[in-house]
Amino acid sequence: MALDKIDLAILTALQKDGRMSNAALAEKVGLSQSACSRRLDILEKSGTIRGYHAQIAAAGLGRPMTAIVHISLSGQFEKTLSEFEAAIRRCPNVLSCHLMTGEYDYVLRIAARDLADYERIHKDWLTAMPHVIKINTSFAMREIIDRTAIGLTFEQG
């Protein structure tokens, strides 16, 4: 989907305030409310806007420890990857999971209460995942950046 300046203005505004009313958004980007609503509908149906949510600090929920976990599987066959991915989706402490190139197959970001809680997650979830042969964990000492907004600019091509 090709995005124009107005689409990018809508996305930029929503990244700053996803709770903005359609009327306020329309005024901000210089559209009528109905035109703005149509644009939003197109952006949502195309998958450009995947949803609206509150960004909640894991520490605010009693999970201040962030673990970065590298996972190696026994192979990269489609069945192996899909079985692992189905299982990892069920783990409630996994905040993100990425299929990678390089030494490890996946990188996870996990929220835990403390070291004992991470040990429980490791034992009950990670080692029980199908096809896992290696787990390497690092613990974040401090979060520097956790952006939810993508910098958007309009480039005419």
C-alpha atoms as a PDB file:
ATOM      1  CA  MET A   1       0.000   0.000   0.000  1.00  0.00           C
ATOM      2  CA  ALA A   2       1.431   3.369  -0.997  1.00  0.00           C
ATOM      3  CA  LEU A   3       1.188   5.937   1.781  1.00  0.00           C
ATOM      4  CA  ASP A   4       0.848   9.640   1.075  1.00  0.00           C
ATOM      5  CA  LYS A   5       1.531  12.679   3.283  1.00  0.00           C
ATOM      6  CA  ILE A   6      -1.924  12.545   4.850  1.00  0.00           C
ATOM      7  CA  ASP A   7      -1.617   8.838   5.711  1.00  0.00           C
ATOM      8  CA  LEU A   8       1.754   9.517   7.324  1.00  0.00           C
ATOM      9  CA  ALA A   9       0.297  12.476   9.243  1.00  0.00           C
ATOM     10  CA  ILE A  10      -2.513  10.219  10.526  1.00  0.00           C
ATOM     11  CA  LEU A  11      -0.041   7.507  11.564  1.00  0.00           C
ATOM     12  CA  THR A  12       2.286  10.008  13.238  1.00  0.00           C
ATOM     13  CA  ALA A  13      -0.592  11.519  15.227  1.00  0.00           C
ATOM     14  CA  LEU A  14      -1.906   8.117  16.295  1.00  0.00           C
ATOM     15  CA  GLN A  15       1.550   6.960  17.381  1.00  0.00           C
ATOM     16  CA  LYS A  16       1.653   9.914  19.752  1.00  0.00           C
ATOM     17  CA  ASP A  17      -1.942   9.511  20.962  1.00  0.00           C
ATOM     18  CA  GLY A  18      -3.801   6.352  19.958  1.00  0.00           C
ATOM     19  CA  ARG A  19      -6.830   7.485  21.969  1.00  0.00           C
ATOM     20  CA  MET A  20      -7.305  10.620  19.877  1.00  0.00           C
ATOM     21  CA  SER A  21     -10.907  11.032  18.690  1.00  0.00           C
ATOM     22  CA  ASN A  22     -11.646  10.920  14.975  1.00  0.00           C
ATOM     23  CA  ALA A  23     -12.734  14.579  15.160  1.00  0.00           C
ATOM     24  CA  ALA A  24      -9.434  15.660  16.726  1.00  0.00           C
ATOM     25  CA  LEU A  25      -7.443  13.522  14.281  1.00  0.00           C
ATOM     26  CA  ALA A  26      -9.331  14.904  11.287  1.00  0.00           C
ATOM     27  CA  GLU A  27      -8.677  18.469  12.450  1.00  0.00           C
ATOM     28  CA  LYS A  28      -5.004  17.732  13.062  1.00  0.00           C
ATOM     29  CA  VAL A  29      -4.426  16.328   9.556  1.00  0.00           C
ATOM     30  CA  GLY A  30      -6.729  18.728   7.714  1.00  0.00           C
ATOM     31  CA  LEU A  31      -9.492  16.335   6.639  1.00  0.00           C
ATOM     32  CA  SER A  32     -13.228  16.114   7.188  1.00  0.00           C
ATOM     33  CA  GLN A  33     -14.251  13.567   9.796  1.00  0.00           C
ATOM     34  CA  SER A  34     -15.749  11.242   7.174  1.00  0.00           C
ATOM     35  CA  ALA A  35     -12.611  11.393   4.978  1.00  0.00           C
ATOM     36  CA  CYS A  36     -10.428  10.749   8.019  1.00  0.00           C
ATOM     37  CA  SER A  37     -12.596   7.810   9.033  1.00  0.00           C
ATOM     38  CA  ARG A  38     -12.325   6.324   5.517  1.00  0.00           C
ATOM     39  CA  ARG A  39      -8.527   6.681   5.596  1.00  0.00           C
ATOM     40  CA  LEU A  40      -8.360   5.000   9.006  1.00  0.00           C
ATOM     41  CA  ASP A  41     -10.507   2.139   7.750  1.00  0.00           C
ATOM     42  CA  ILE A  42      -8.160   1.606   4.784  1.00  0.00           C
ATOM     43  CA  LEU A  43      -5.063   1.750   7.035  1.00  0.00           C
ATOM     44  CA  GLU A  44      -6.617  -0.795   9.403  1.00  0.00           C
ATOM     45  CA  LYS A  45      -7.833  -3.175   6.676  1.00  0.00           C
ATOM     46  CA  SER A  46      -4.450  -3.078   4.920  1.00  0.00           C
ATOM     47  CA  GLY A  47      -2.726  -4.088   8.167  1.00  0.00           C
ATOM     48  CA  THR A  48      -0.722  -0.853   8.367  1.00  0.00           C
ATOM     49  CA  ILE A  49      -2.506  -0.171  11.672  1.00  0.00           C
ATOM     50  CA  ARG A  50      -2.439  -3.479  13.542  1.00  0.00           C
ATOM     51  CA  GLY A  51      -4.327  -2.311  16.620  1.00  0.00           C
ATOM     52  CA  TYR A  52      -4.624   0.183  19.436  1.00  0.00           C
ATOM     53  CA  HIS A  53      -3.328  -0.545  22.915  1.00  0.00           C
ATOM     54  CA  ALA A  54      -1.902   0.911  26.097  1.00  0.00           C
ATOM     55  CA  GLN A  55       1.845   0.605  26.550  1.00  0.00           C
ATOM     56  CA  ILE A  56       2.288  -0.789  30.042  1.00  0.00           C
ATOM     57  CA  ALA A  57       5.632  -0.881  31.849  1.00  0.00           C
ATOM     58  CA  ALA A  58       6.452  -4.447  32.850  1.00  0.00           C
ATOM     59  CA  ALA A  59       7.943  -3.083  36.087  1.00  0.00           C
ATOM     60  CA  GLY A  60       4.558  -1.541  36.877  1.00  0.00           C
ATOM     61  CA  LEU A  61       3.115  -5.053  36.828  1.00  0.00           C
ATOM     62  CA  GLY A  62       5.805  -6.427  39.109  1.00  0.00           C
ATOM     63  CA  ARG A  63       8.040  -7.774  36.337  1.00  0.00           C
ATOM     64  CA  PRO A  64      11.043  -5.443  36.301  1.00  0.00           C
ATOM     65  CA  MET A  65      13.570  -7.991  34.992  1.00  0.00           C
ATOM     66  CA  THR A  66      14.070  -8.191  31.235  1.00  0.00           C
ATOM     67  CA  ALA A  67      15.771 -11.262  29.832  1.00  0.00           C
ATOM     68  CA  ILE A  68      17.035 -11.439  26.255  1.00  0.00           C
ATOM     69  CA  VAL A  69      17.005 -15.098  25.241  1.00  0.00           C
ATOM     70  CA  HIS A  70      18.654 -16.621  22.177  1.00  0.00           C
ATOM     71  CA  ILE A  71      17.226 -19.981  21.096  1.00  0.00           C
ATOM     72  CA  SER A  72      18.704 -22.579  18.749  1.00  0.00           C
ATOM     73  CA  LEU A  73      16.498 -25.294  17.308  1.00  0.00           C
ATOM     74  CA  SER A  74      17.401 -28.738  16.012  1.00  0.00           C
ATOM     75  CA  GLY A  75      16.743 -27.564  12.447  1.00  0.00           C
ATOM     76  CA  GLN A  76      14.962 -24.967  10.345  1.00  0.00           C
ATOM     77  CA  PHE A  77      12.422 -27.177   8.663  1.00  0.00           C
ATOM     78  CA  GLU A  78       9.004 -25.543   8.257  1.00  0.00           C
ATOM     79  CA  LYS A  79       7.407 -28.062  10.665  1.00  0.00           C
ATOM     80  CA  THR A  80      10.106 -27.424  13.287  1.00  0.00           C
ATOM     81  CA  LEU A  81       9.700 -23.645  13.071  1.00  0.00           C
ATOM     82  CA  SER A  82       5.897 -23.717  13.123  1.00  0.00           C
ATOM     83  CA  GLU A  83       5.770 -26.096  16.122  1.00  0.00           C
ATOM     84  CA  PHE A  84       8.188 -23.900  18.093  1.00  0.00           C
ATOM     85  CA  GLU A  85       6.314 -20.714  17.136  1.00  0.00           C
ATOM     86  CA  ALA A  86       2.958 -22.190  18.172  1.00  0.00           C
ATOM     87  CA  ALA A  87       4.416 -23.184  21.549  1.00  0.00           C
ATOM     88  CA  ILE A  88       6.192 -19.857  22.218  1.00  0.00           C
ATOM     89  CA  ARG A  89       2.955 -17.939  21.562  1.00  0.00           C
ATOM     90  CA  ARG A  90       1.453 -19.666  24.625  1.00  0.00           C
ATOM     91  CA  CYS A  91       4.172 -18.434  27.020  1.00  0.00           C
ATOM     92  CA  PRO A  92       2.687 -15.370  28.764  1.00  0.00           C
ATOM     93  CA  ASN A  93       6.042 -13.899  29.797  1.00  0.00           C
ATOM     94  CA  VAL A  94       7.371 -13.614  26.230  1.00  0.00           C
ATOM     95  CA  LEU A  95       6.995  -9.989  25.123  1.00  0.00           C
ATOM     96  CA  SER A  96       8.495 -10.457  21.666  1.00  0.00           C
ATOM     97  CA  CYS A  97       9.903 -13.277  19.561  1.00  0.00           C
ATOM     98  CA  HIS A  98      11.842 -12.856  16.313  1.00  0.00           C
ATOM     99  CA  LEU A  99      13.037 -15.438  13.794  1.00  0.00           C
ATOM    100  CA  MET A 100      16.661 -14.519  13.110  1.00  0.00           C
ATOM    101  CA  THR A 101      19.519 -15.070  10.725  1.00  0.00           C
ATOM    102  CA  GLY A 102      22.921 -15.884  12.161  1.00  0.00           C
ATOM    103  CA  GLU A 103      24.018 -18.089  15.045  1.00  0.00           C
ATOM    104  CA  TYR A 104      20.627 -18.372  16.794  1.00  0.00           C
ATOM    105  CA  ASP A 105      17.231 -19.148  15.314  1.00  0.00           C
ATOM    106  CA  TYR A 106      15.129 -16.924  17.604  1.00  0.00           C
ATOM    107  CA  VAL A 107      15.577 -13.981  19.955  1.00  0.00           C
ATOM    108  CA  LEU A 108      13.027 -13.487  22.727  1.00  0.00           C
ATOM    109  CA  ARG A 109      12.387 -10.639  25.144  1.00  0.00           C
ATOM    110  CA  ILE A 110      10.964 -11.936  28.412  1.00  0.00           C
ATOM    111  CA  ALA A 111       9.594 -10.101  31.455  1.00  0.00           C
ATOM    112  CA  ALA A 112      10.159 -11.695  34.864  1.00  0.00           C
ATOM    113  CA  ARG A 113       9.712 -10.707  38.513  1.00  0.00           C
ATOM    114  CA  ASP A 114      13.243 -11.722  39.490  1.00  0.00           C
ATOM    115  CA  LEU A 115      15.891 -14.383  38.907  1.00  0.00           C
ATOM    116  CA  ALA A 116      13.799 -17.092  40.588  1.00  0.00           C
ATOM    117  CA  ASP A 117      10.847 -16.230  38.347  1.00  0.00           C
ATOM    118  CA  TYR A 118      13.067 -16.396  35.254  1.00  0.00           C
ATOM    119  CA  GLU A 119      14.333 -19.787  36.439  1.00  0.00           C
ATOM    120  CA  ARG A 120      10.694 -20.960  36.591  1.00  0.00           C
ATOM    121  CA  ILE A 121      10.031 -19.623  33.062  1.00  0.00           C
ATOM    122  CA  HIS A 122      13.215 -21.298  31.819  1.00  0.00           C
ATOM    123  CA  LYS A 123      12.345 -24.645  33.420  1.00  0.00           C
ATOM    124  CA  ASP A 124       8.583 -24.735  32.827  1.00  0.00           C
ATOM    125  CA  TRP A 125       8.423 -23.080  29.418  1.00  0.00           C
ATOM    126  CA  LEU A 126      11.654 -22.617  27.490  1.00  0.00           C
ATOM    127  CA  THR A 127      13.226 -26.032  28.011  1.00  0.00           C
ATOM    128  CA  ALA A 128       9.840 -27.627  27.298  1.00  0.00           C
ATOM    129  CA  MET A 129       9.549 -25.977  23.879  1.00  0.00           C
ATOM    130  CA  PRO A 130       9.715 -28.395  20.955  1.00  0.00           C
ATOM    131  CA  HIS A 131      13.015 -28.725  19.072  1.00  0.00           C
ATOM    132  CA  VAL A 132      15.045 -26.440  21.403  1.00  0.00           C
ATOM    133  CA  ILE A 133      18.676 -27.536  21.646  1.00  0.00           C
ATOM    134  CA  LYS A 134      20.346 -24.408  23.052  1.00  0.00           C
ATOM    135  CA  ILE A 135      19.237 -21.496  25.233  1.00  0.00           C
ATOM    136  CA  ASN A 136      21.470 -18.485  25.895  1.00  0.00           C
ATOM    137  CA  THR A 137      20.168 -15.790  28.251  1.00  0.00           C
ATOM    138  CA  SER A 138      21.367 -12.270  29.031  1.00  0.00           C
ATOM    139  CA  PHE A 139      19.738  -9.923  31.534  1.00  0.00           C
ATOM    140  CA  ALA A 140      19.171  -6.261  30.787  1.00  0.00           C
ATOM    141  CA  MET A 141      20.715  -3.982  33.394  1.00  0.00           C
ATOM    142  CA  ARG A 142      18.814  -0.888  32.264  1.00  0.00           C
ATOM    143  CA  GLU A 143      16.419   0.010  29.456  1.00  0.00           C
ATOM    144  CA  ILE A 144      17.678   2.895  27.335  1.00  0.00           C
ATOM    145  CA  ILE A 145      15.078   2.990  24.538  1.00  0.00           C
ATOM    146  CA  ASP A 146      11.811   1.129  24.004  1.00  0.00           C
ATOM    147  CA  ARG A 147      10.138   2.970  21.170  1.00  0.00           C
ATOM    148  CA  THR A 148       6.643   2.256  20.011  1.00  0.00           C
ATOM    149  CA  ALA A 149       6.652   4.988  17.357  1.00  0.00           C
ATOM    150  CA  ILE A 150       8.373   4.689  14.004  1.00  0.00           C
ATOM    151  CA  GLY A 151       9.792   7.922  12.570  1.00  0.00           C
ATOM    152  CA  LEU A 152       7.736   8.640   9.455  1.00  0.00           C
ATOM    153  CA  THR A 153       8.612  10.879   6.521  1.00  0.00           C
ATOM    154  CA  PHE A 154       7.104  11.209   3.078  1.00  0.00           C
ATOM    155  CA  GLU A 155       9.376  10.352   0.177  1.00  0.00           C
ATOM    156  CA  GLN A 156       8.108  10.873  -3.346  1.00  0.00           C
ATOM    157  CA  GLY A 157       9.425   8.292  -5.709  1.00  0.00           C
END
